[in-house]
Protein backbone atom coordinates (compact mmCIF):
# COMPACT_ATOMS: atom_id res chain seq x y z
CA MET A 1 4.58 23.25 -1.92
CA LYS A 2 3.50 25.31 -5.06
CA PRO A 3 1.36 23.04 -6.82
CA GLU A 4 2.96 23.36 -10.30
CA THR A 5 6.21 21.82 -8.23
CA LEU A 6 4.43 18.74 -7.17
CA LEU A 7 2.04 18.29 -9.99
CA GLN A 8 5.81 17.93 -12.23
CA ALA A 9 7.51 15.90 -9.75
CA ALA A 10 4.82 13.27 -10.22
CA MET A 11 4.99 13.54 -14.10
CA ASP A 12 8.29 12.81 -13.27
CA ILE A 13 8.03 9.61 -12.21
CA GLN A 14 5.24 8.56 -14.16
CA GLU A 15 7.26 5.48 -15.64
CA THR A 16 7.32 4.13 -12.35
CA ILE A 17 3.67 4.35 -11.22
CA ILE A 18 2.77 2.26 -14.65
CA ARG A 19 5.13 0.27 -13.76
CA GLN A 20 3.69 -0.98 -10.55
CA ARG A 21 0.81 -0.30 -11.67
CA ARG A 22 1.04 -3.36 -14.90
CA TYR A 23 2.86 -5.40 -12.02
CA LEU A 24 -1.01 -4.89 -9.85
CA HIS A 25 -2.94 -5.70 -12.81
CA THR A 26 -0.60 -9.19 -14.39
CA HIS A 27 -1.20 -10.46 -10.27
CA PRO A 28 -4.55 -9.89 -8.96
CA GLY A 29 -5.65 -11.58 -5.65
CA CYS A 30 -9.84 -11.37 -4.93
CA GLY A 31 -11.65 -10.50 -0.95
CA PHE A 32 -9.09 -10.95 1.29
CA ASP A 33 -6.72 -13.22 -0.78
CA ILE A 34 -4.50 -10.69 -2.18
CA ALA A 35 -0.72 -12.10 -0.63
CA GLU A 36 0.93 -10.84 -3.55
CA THR A 37 0.17 -7.88 -4.28
CA LYS A 38 0.34 -6.67 -0.15
CA ASP A 39 3.80 -8.17 -0.33
CA PHE A 40 4.32 -6.34 -3.42
CA VAL A 41 3.35 -3.00 -1.88
CA LYS A 42 4.68 -3.70 1.26
CA LYS A 43 8.14 -3.84 -0.64
CA GLU A 44 7.74 -0.77 -3.06
CA LEU A 45 6.65 1.14 0.48
CA GLU A 46 9.90 -0.47 2.30
CA GLU A 47 12.27 0.85 -0.29
CA MET A 48 10.90 4.32 -0.09
CA GLY A 49 12.21 4.83 3.43
CA TYR A 50 8.22 3.39 4.74
CA ALA A 51 8.13 1.02 7.64
CA PRO A 52 4.68 -0.83 6.85
CA GLU A 53 2.26 -1.98 9.26
CA GLU A 54 -0.14 -4.65 8.99
CA CYS A 55 -3.59 -3.64 9.73
CA GLY A 56 -6.31 -6.35 9.61
CA ARG A 57 -6.54 -9.74 7.64
CA CYS A 58 -4.36 -8.41 4.85
CA GLY A 59 -4.11 -4.08 4.27
CA LEU A 60 -0.89 -2.18 4.95
CA VAL A 61 -0.37 0.90 6.88
CA ALA A 62 2.64 3.60 6.58
CA LEU A 63 2.69 7.31 7.92
CA ALA A 64 3.96 10.08 6.04
CA GLY A 65 4.67 13.31 8.24
CA ARG A 66 5.66 14.72 11.52
CA GLY A 67 3.99 11.90 13.15
CA ALA A 68 5.47 9.29 10.97
CA GLY A 69 8.46 7.84 13.93
CA ASN A 70 5.37 6.52 15.72
CA GLY A 71 3.79 4.09 13.33
CA PRO A 72 0.43 2.83 13.88
CA ALA A 73 0.57 1.24 17.25
CA GLY A 74 2.26 4.19 18.87
CA ASP A 75 0.33 7.19 20.78
CA LYS A 76 0.20 10.24 18.60
CA ASP A 77 2.74 12.79 19.04
CA THR A 78 1.03 15.48 20.25
CA GLN A 79 3.36 17.96 18.27
CA GLY A 80 2.88 16.21 15.11
CA GLY A 81 -0.58 18.28 14.15
CA LYS A 82 -3.30 16.97 12.44
CA VAL A 83 -3.72 13.73 10.42
CA PHE A 84 -5.18 12.71 7.15
CA LEU A 85 -5.87 9.54 5.56
CA LEU A 86 -5.92 8.46 1.91
CA ARG A 87 -6.76 5.19 0.81
CA ALA A 88 -6.55 2.58 -2.26
CA ASP A 89 -8.39 -0.73 -2.49
CA MET A 90 -6.00 -3.61 -4.01
CA ASP A 91 -8.39 -6.29 -3.97
CA GLY A 92 -9.45 -7.42 -8.32
CA LEU A 93 -12.49 -9.45 -9.25
CA PRO A 94 -13.43 -12.96 -10.20
CA ILE A 95 -13.81 -12.31 -13.41
CA ARG A 96 -11.25 -13.59 -16.22
CA GLU A 97 -9.79 -10.41 -18.19
CA GLU A 98 -10.72 -10.13 -21.98
CA ALA A 99 -9.21 -6.63 -22.62
CA ASP A 100 -6.46 -5.99 -25.19
CA VAL A 101 -4.01 -5.23 -23.23
CA ASP A 102 0.04 -5.88 -22.90
CA PHE A 103 -0.17 -7.16 -19.79
CA PRO A 104 -3.16 -8.95 -18.85
CA SER A 105 -4.31 -10.86 -16.12
CA THR A 106 -4.09 -14.58 -16.91
CA ASN A 107 -5.18 -15.80 -13.08
CA GLY A 108 -8.83 -15.79 -12.99
CA CYS A 109 -9.34 -12.47 -11.63
CA MET A 110 -9.38 -9.08 -13.38
CA HIS A 111 -8.64 -5.22 -11.76
CA ALA A 112 -12.05 -4.75 -13.89
CA CYS A 113 -12.61 -1.97 -11.01
CA GLY A 114 -9.26 -0.09 -11.48
CA HIS A 115 -8.04 -1.04 -7.99
CA ASP A 116 -4.75 -1.30 -9.75
CA MET A 117 -4.91 2.47 -10.95
CA HIS A 118 -5.76 3.04 -7.00
CA THR A 119 -2.89 1.22 -5.48
CA ALA A 120 -0.32 2.58 -7.76
CA MET A 121 -1.55 6.01 -7.61
CA LEU A 122 -0.83 6.42 -3.67
CA LEU A 123 1.97 4.66 -4.32
CA GLY A 124 3.21 7.36 -6.25
CA ALA A 125 2.20 9.96 -3.77
CA ALA A 126 3.81 7.47 -1.18
CA ARG A 127 7.14 8.90 -2.51
CA LEU A 128 5.74 12.13 -3.46
CA LEU A 129 5.02 12.85 0.02
CA LYS A 130 8.35 11.50 1.27
CA GLU A 131 10.08 13.04 -0.97
CA HIS A 132 8.35 16.35 1.06
CA GLU A 133 8.09 15.18 4.35
CA ASP A 134 9.73 17.91 6.19
CA GLU A 135 6.39 20.20 4.51
CA ILE A 136 3.65 17.84 5.63
CA GLU A 137 2.41 19.85 8.44
CA GLY A 138 0.94 16.74 10.43
CA THR A 139 0.69 13.44 9.18
CA VAL A 140 -0.63 11.91 6.47
CA LYS A 141 -2.07 7.85 6.95
CA LEU A 142 -1.36 5.63 3.83
CA MET A 143 -4.42 3.02 3.89
CA PHE A 144 -3.48 -0.22 1.35
CA GLN A 145 -7.05 -1.85 2.05
CA PRO A 146 -7.96 -5.36 0.73
CA ALA A 147 -11.71 -6.81 0.24
CA GLU A 148 -13.97 -3.85 -1.27
CA GLU A 149 -15.35 -5.67 -3.40
CA VAL A 150 -17.12 -7.84 -1.16
CA PHE A 151 -17.51 -4.66 1.31
CA GLN A 152 -15.62 -6.12 3.91
CA GLY A 153 -12.09 -4.73 3.78
CA SER A 154 -12.27 -0.70 5.62
CA HIS A 155 -14.23 -2.38 8.04
CA ASP A 156 -11.68 -5.25 9.14
CA MET A 157 -9.11 -2.61 9.51
CA ILE A 158 -11.48 -0.24 11.88
CA GLU A 159 -11.53 -2.80 13.60
CA ALA A 160 -8.14 -3.61 13.93
CA GLY A 161 -7.72 0.09 14.84
CA LEU A 162 -7.06 2.16 11.46
CA LEU A 163 -8.39 5.18 12.81
CA ASP A 164 -6.22 5.18 15.86
CA HIS A 165 -2.49 5.76 16.64
CA PRO A 166 -2.14 8.10 15.53
CA LYS A 167 -5.87 9.09 15.54
CA VAL A 168 -7.62 10.07 11.84
CA ASP A 169 -9.09 13.23 11.50
CA ALA A 170 -10.49 13.23 7.86
CA ALA A 171 -10.03 11.07 4.97
CA LEU A 172 -10.31 11.00 1.21
CA MET A 173 -10.80 8.38 -1.38
CA ILE A 174 -9.98 7.89 -5.26
CA HIS A 175 -11.88 6.34 -7.62
CA VAL A 176 -11.03 5.69 -11.20
CA MET A 177 -13.95 5.28 -13.62
CA ALA A 178 -13.49 4.49 -17.36
CA GLY A 179 -16.09 5.85 -19.92
CA MET A 180 -16.10 9.30 -18.35
CA PRO A 181 -16.15 11.89 -20.74
CA PHE A 182 -13.86 14.39 -19.56
CA PRO A 183 -9.59 13.91 -20.42
CA ALA A 184 -7.75 11.15 -18.58
CA GLY A 185 -6.83 12.81 -14.97
CA THR A 186 -10.13 15.02 -14.66
CA VAL A 187 -11.10 15.08 -11.07
CA VAL A 188 -14.84 15.42 -9.89
CA VAL A 189 -15.19 15.79 -5.94
CA SER A 190 -18.40 14.54 -4.20
CA ALA A 191 -21.25 17.03 -3.07
CA PRO A 192 -21.90 17.38 0.44
CA GLY A 193 -24.08 14.28 1.54
CA VAL A 194 -24.33 10.28 0.28
CA SER A 195 -23.06 9.49 -2.94
CA ALA A 196 -22.48 6.10 -2.63
CA PRO A 197 -25.88 3.76 -1.07
CA ALA A 198 -25.27 1.45 1.31
CA ALA A 199 -25.10 -2.24 0.02
CA ASP A 200 -26.13 -5.79 1.03
CA LEU A 201 -25.40 -8.90 -0.77
CA PHE A 202 -27.88 -11.43 -0.18
CA GLU A 203 -28.53 -15.37 -0.62
CA ILE A 204 -31.99 -17.18 -1.15
CA ARG A 205 -31.89 -20.54 -0.85
CA VAL A 206 -35.42 -22.25 -2.05
CA GLN A 207 -36.02 -25.97 -0.74
CA GLY A 208 -37.93 -28.31 -3.02
CA LYS A 209 -38.10 -32.04 -3.42
CA GLY A 210 -36.36 -33.94 -5.80
CA CYS A 211 -37.83 -35.70 -8.25
CA HIS A 212 -37.74 -36.85 -11.67
CA GLY A 213 -38.46 -34.17 -14.31
CA SER A 214 -41.40 -36.55 -16.04
CA MET A 215 -43.26 -37.18 -12.97
CA PRO A 216 -43.04 -33.23 -11.33
CA ASN A 217 -45.84 -34.14 -8.98
CA THR A 218 -43.93 -36.34 -7.24
CA GLY A 219 -41.87 -33.72 -6.20
CA ILE A 220 -41.78 -30.00 -5.26
CA ASP A 221 -40.22 -28.14 -7.98
CA PRO A 222 -37.50 -25.45 -6.33
CA LEU A 223 -36.56 -23.37 -9.75
CA ASN A 224 -40.42 -22.42 -10.41
CA ALA A 225 -40.42 -21.11 -6.74
CA ALA A 226 -37.55 -19.47 -7.54
CA ALA A 227 -38.74 -17.73 -10.62
CA HIS A 228 -42.09 -16.73 -9.29
CA ILE A 229 -39.49 -15.22 -6.29
CA LEU A 230 -37.48 -13.30 -8.70
CA ILE A 231 -40.56 -11.36 -10.75
CA ALA A 232 -42.30 -10.61 -7.15
CA LEU A 233 -39.22 -8.96 -5.91
CA GLN A 234 -39.22 -6.68 -8.36
CA GLU A 235 -42.51 -4.87 -7.64
CA ILE A 236 -40.81 -3.95 -4.40
CA GLN A 237 -39.59 -0.94 -6.65
CA THR A 238 -42.06 -0.36 -8.88
CA ARG A 239 -45.71 -1.08 -6.32
CA GLU A 240 -43.94 -0.39 -2.72
CA LEU A 241 -41.55 2.49 -2.88
CA PRO A 242 -42.22 5.92 -3.18
CA MET A 243 -41.71 7.71 -6.93
CA GLY A 244 -38.58 9.17 -5.16
CA GLU A 245 -36.82 6.79 -3.61
CA ARG A 246 -34.13 5.77 -5.29
CA ALA A 247 -33.27 1.77 -4.78
CA VAL A 248 -31.80 -0.79 -6.42
CA LEU A 249 -32.53 -4.34 -6.29
CA THR A 250 -30.64 -7.15 -8.74
CA ILE A 251 -31.13 -10.81 -8.75
CA GLY A 252 -27.56 -12.14 -10.13
CA THR A 253 -26.74 -15.69 -9.88
CA MET A 254 -29.26 -18.68 -9.85
CA ASN A 255 -27.75 -22.25 -9.63
CA ALA A 256 -29.94 -25.44 -9.21
CA GLY A 257 -29.60 -28.77 -10.83
CA THR A 258 -26.78 -30.54 -12.46
CA ALA A 259 -29.44 -32.95 -15.30
CA PRO A 260 -31.85 -31.33 -17.73
CA ASN A 261 -34.30 -33.72 -17.04
CA VAL A 262 -34.86 -34.00 -12.90
CA ILE A 263 -35.88 -31.43 -11.21
CA PRO A 264 -33.40 -31.01 -8.07
CA ASP A 265 -34.11 -30.58 -4.14
CA VAL A 266 -32.52 -27.27 -4.08
CA VAL A 267 -32.39 -23.41 -5.55
CA VAL A 268 -30.18 -20.73 -4.54
CA MET A 269 -30.11 -17.31 -5.68
CA GLY A 270 -27.80 -14.15 -4.87
CA GLY A 271 -28.22 -11.13 -5.66
CA SER A 272 -27.24 -7.13 -4.21
CA LEU A 273 -29.76 -4.77 -2.68
CA ARG A 274 -28.61 -0.60 -2.85
CA THR A 275 -30.31 1.98 -1.01
CA PHE A 276 -29.64 5.73 -0.12
CA ASP A 277 -31.53 5.56 2.76
CA GLY A 278 -31.70 3.42 6.27
CA GLU A 279 -35.42 2.91 6.48
CA THR A 280 -36.03 2.17 2.69
CA ARG A 281 -32.90 -0.38 3.45
CA ALA A 282 -34.77 -1.91 6.60
CA PHE A 283 -37.99 -1.96 4.75
CA ILE A 284 -36.87 -3.08 1.45
CA LYS A 285 -34.76 -6.23 3.34
CA LYS A 286 -38.30 -6.39 5.72
CA ARG A 287 -40.26 -6.79 2.35
CA MET A 288 -37.33 -9.60 0.42
CA GLU A 289 -38.30 -12.00 3.48
CA GLU A 290 -41.68 -11.99 3.53
CA ILE A 291 -41.99 -12.12 -0.31
CA ALA A 292 -39.21 -15.03 -0.39
CA GLU A 293 -41.16 -17.09 2.62
CA GLY A 294 -44.77 -16.43 1.55
CA THR A 295 -44.19 -17.15 -2.77
CA ALA A 296 -42.17 -20.12 -1.97
CA ARG A 297 -45.29 -21.78 0.36
CA LEU A 298 -47.60 -21.16 -2.34
CA PHE A 299 -45.77 -23.33 -4.89
CA ARG A 300 -45.30 -26.19 -1.57
CA ALA A 301 -42.28 -25.05 -1.28
CA SER A 302 -39.35 -23.57 1.80
CA ALA A 303 -37.51 -20.60 0.99
CA SER A 304 -34.68 -18.35 3.57
CA VAL A 305 -33.31 -14.91 2.89
CA HIS A 306 -29.73 -14.91 4.32
CA TYR A 307 -27.25 -11.29 4.32
CA THR A 308 -24.03 -12.50 3.51
CA SER A 309 -21.79 -8.70 3.86
CA GLY A 310 -22.76 -5.38 3.26
CA CYS A 311 -21.92 -1.81 4.01
CA PRO A 312 -23.89 1.68 4.83
CA ALA A 313 -23.84 4.34 3.02
CA LEU A 314 -20.84 6.62 1.62
CA ILE A 315 -21.53 10.60 3.47
CA ASN A 316 -18.97 13.22 2.12
CA ASP A 317 -18.11 15.74 4.54
CA LYS A 318 -18.99 19.01 3.17
CA GLU A 319 -16.59 21.25 5.07
CA LEU A 320 -13.83 18.77 3.66
CA ALA A 321 -15.94 18.50 0.08
CA ALA A 322 -15.31 22.54 -0.48
CA CYS A 323 -11.41 23.15 1.04
CA VAL A 324 -10.61 19.61 -1.51
CA SER A 325 -12.68 21.49 -4.26
CA GLY A 326 -10.47 24.67 -3.90
CA TYR A 327 -7.41 22.46 -3.64
CA VAL A 328 -7.63 19.82 -6.72
CA LYS A 329 -8.74 23.34 -8.44
CA GLU A 330 -5.02 24.80 -7.44
CA LEU A 331 -3.16 21.85 -8.66
CA LEU A 332 -5.32 21.10 -11.41
CA GLY A 333 -6.68 24.20 -12.74
CA PRO A 334 -10.36 25.13 -13.18
CA ASP A 335 -10.62 22.73 -16.41
CA LYS A 336 -9.66 19.61 -14.84
CA ALA A 337 -11.04 19.91 -11.68
CA PHE A 338 -14.73 20.23 -10.81
CA SER A 339 -17.39 19.76 -8.42
CA VAL A 340 -20.45 18.10 -8.61
CA GLU A 341 -22.73 21.15 -8.38
CA GLU A 342 -20.59 22.70 -11.31
CA LEU A 343 -21.21 20.27 -13.74
CA ASN A 344 -24.58 21.00 -14.95
CA ALA A 345 -25.20 17.49 -16.69
CA LEU A 346 -24.12 15.57 -13.64
CA SER A 347 -25.80 17.93 -10.93
CA ALA A 348 -29.24 15.75 -11.17
CA SER A 349 -27.12 12.33 -10.07
CA SER A 350 -24.67 13.54 -7.97
CA LYS A 351 -24.99 9.73 -6.09
CA SER A 352 -23.64 6.74 -7.68
CA ALA A 353 -24.96 3.73 -8.19
CA GLY A 354 -21.89 1.81 -6.68
CA SER A 355 -21.72 0.89 -3.63
CA GLU A 356 -18.21 1.69 -1.87
CA ASP A 357 -17.47 0.01 1.84
CA PHE A 358 -15.32 3.81 2.36
CA ALA A 359 -18.91 3.90 3.71
CA TYR A 360 -17.59 2.48 6.97
CA VAL A 361 -14.68 5.14 7.35
CA SER A 362 -17.09 8.23 6.15
CA GLN A 363 -19.51 7.07 8.62
CA GLU A 364 -16.34 7.64 11.57
CA VAL A 365 -14.50 10.66 11.10
CA PRO A 366 -14.95 13.06 7.87
CA ALA A 367 -14.32 12.09 4.43
CA ILE A 368 -15.01 12.92 0.68
CA MET A 369 -14.59 10.66 -2.20
CA LEU A 370 -13.34 11.98 -5.23
CA ALA A 371 -14.21 10.45 -9.12
CA LEU A 372 -10.89 10.51 -11.94
CA ALA A 373 -11.77 10.18 -15.25
CA ALA A 374 -9.65 7.23 -16.58
CA GLY A 375 -10.85 6.98 -20.22
CA GLN A 376 -12.83 8.72 -22.49
CA PRO A 377 -15.26 6.64 -24.83
CA GLU A 378 -14.08 8.51 -27.70
CA LYS A 379 -10.59 7.46 -27.06
CA GLY A 380 -11.33 3.82 -27.22
CA TYR A 381 -12.72 3.44 -23.84
CA VAL A 382 -16.38 2.17 -24.60
CA TYR A 383 -16.46 -0.51 -21.66
CA PRO A 384 -17.60 -0.21 -17.70
CA GLN A 385 -16.31 -1.08 -14.68
CA HIS A 386 -16.41 -4.90 -14.14
CA HIS A 387 -16.39 -5.41 -17.51
CA PRO A 388 -14.13 -8.28 -18.86
CA MET A 389 -13.11 -6.28 -21.66
CA VAL A 390 -12.92 -2.85 -19.20
CA LYS A 391 -9.64 -0.52 -19.63
CA PHE A 392 -8.56 2.38 -18.14
CA ASP A 393 -6.34 5.41 -19.64
CA GLU A 394 -2.64 5.00 -17.66
CA ASP A 395 -1.89 8.96 -18.67
CA ALA A 396 -4.64 9.54 -15.66
CA LEU A 397 -2.42 7.79 -12.94
CA ALA A 398 0.85 10.57 -12.16
CA GLY A 399 -2.66 13.44 -11.70
CA GLY A 400 -3.91 10.34 -9.79
CA SER A 401 -0.25 10.10 -7.46
CA ALA A 402 -0.12 14.64 -7.42
CA VAL A 403 -4.48 15.20 -6.05
CA TYR A 404 -3.07 12.31 -3.74
CA ALA A 405 -0.28 13.62 -2.07
CA TYR A 406 -1.61 17.31 -2.45
CA THR A 407 -4.78 17.30 -0.81
CA ALA A 408 -3.48 15.97 2.12
CA MET A 409 -0.64 18.56 2.19
CA ARG A 410 -2.97 21.37 1.69
CA TRP A 411 -5.85 20.02 4.11
CA LEU A 412 -2.60 19.62 6.93
CA GLU A 413 -1.42 23.15 6.13
CA GLU A 414 -4.61 24.68 6.66
CA HIS A 415 -5.30 22.85 9.95
CA ARG A 416 -2.51 23.24 11.62
CA GLY A 417 -2.81 24.12 15.15
CA GLU A 418 -6.52 23.37 15.66
């Protein structure tokens, strides 16, 4: 297929993609609680002629191409060729929207990370692939995933057989980026190697002994102990890691008590850890436990660290990165498609600080992550991801759908017969 033909086909369905995105934006869910989103996606796929299958707790899988007739539960057709997976995450965040848009969410959840954009773009790609199904030299597996924000959805779908029947040979994801200084629809292909850190979400429980605020000597103040733990944890990076080792340890919540004149029994702190290296990850987690427990004892309290969820580092395959970089240049032209190495401004910091549970897929098959510009600051897109006022430029949607479809078709074409 000629790239300009597919790009024009994507532009022709732009209004449909925008409609789908706006519905998804208005009806978000969080984690695995996305039944309304899943039902909408399933209905849209069925209307295109797909037979989507549920995968895991709330995921969907659909197939396009030669192996599409087998379904996720069937065996791979030996004549069907290779299998290329395209992933879109569907979940939002527990944030009340404050963005100035005509289609806001009002249910207390918000697509503040652009997952509504991802899902709509993959639906657009599904439409393009279905219209050109006889040109697909293999099978494209469409992965609609829940619970990315809590780093559980990808692993859940893999455990349910996502990468089998038919067996996946390579995989790609796209993430839209607000506040990116490039025209909407510009694509940046990640450099080979790690591009997103491992993540661990954790909870630290500090146990004290409650008492009246006027008589602190009769109790054990867990808030005082928690405050010292918080400060001590920040010393890990500044005093216990080599200068070149990157890690981010954040305490995002501290909850305790209900009255200003009462010392509570318990403080619960919540946070996240991001690391690029496995040894560093293990070292910091060990030190967190030692610091929390030891510091609490200094103040006659006790503390325990519990890791609630997480994901490994995302690894970009070298060969796949080179292939996809060429494909997006064919499709979009050299002015709207770059590799990280080509962007001097970004080459020194090709690793993102944000984690991504597509990492679980990248640990199993060759995979690549693309960044899609979706909002220039000079055009008013000034708020970052996960902010209640973040907005995304819908001009990126059609191009994103084309990138999904074209990269899959080109990779399958180049690897047919292998």
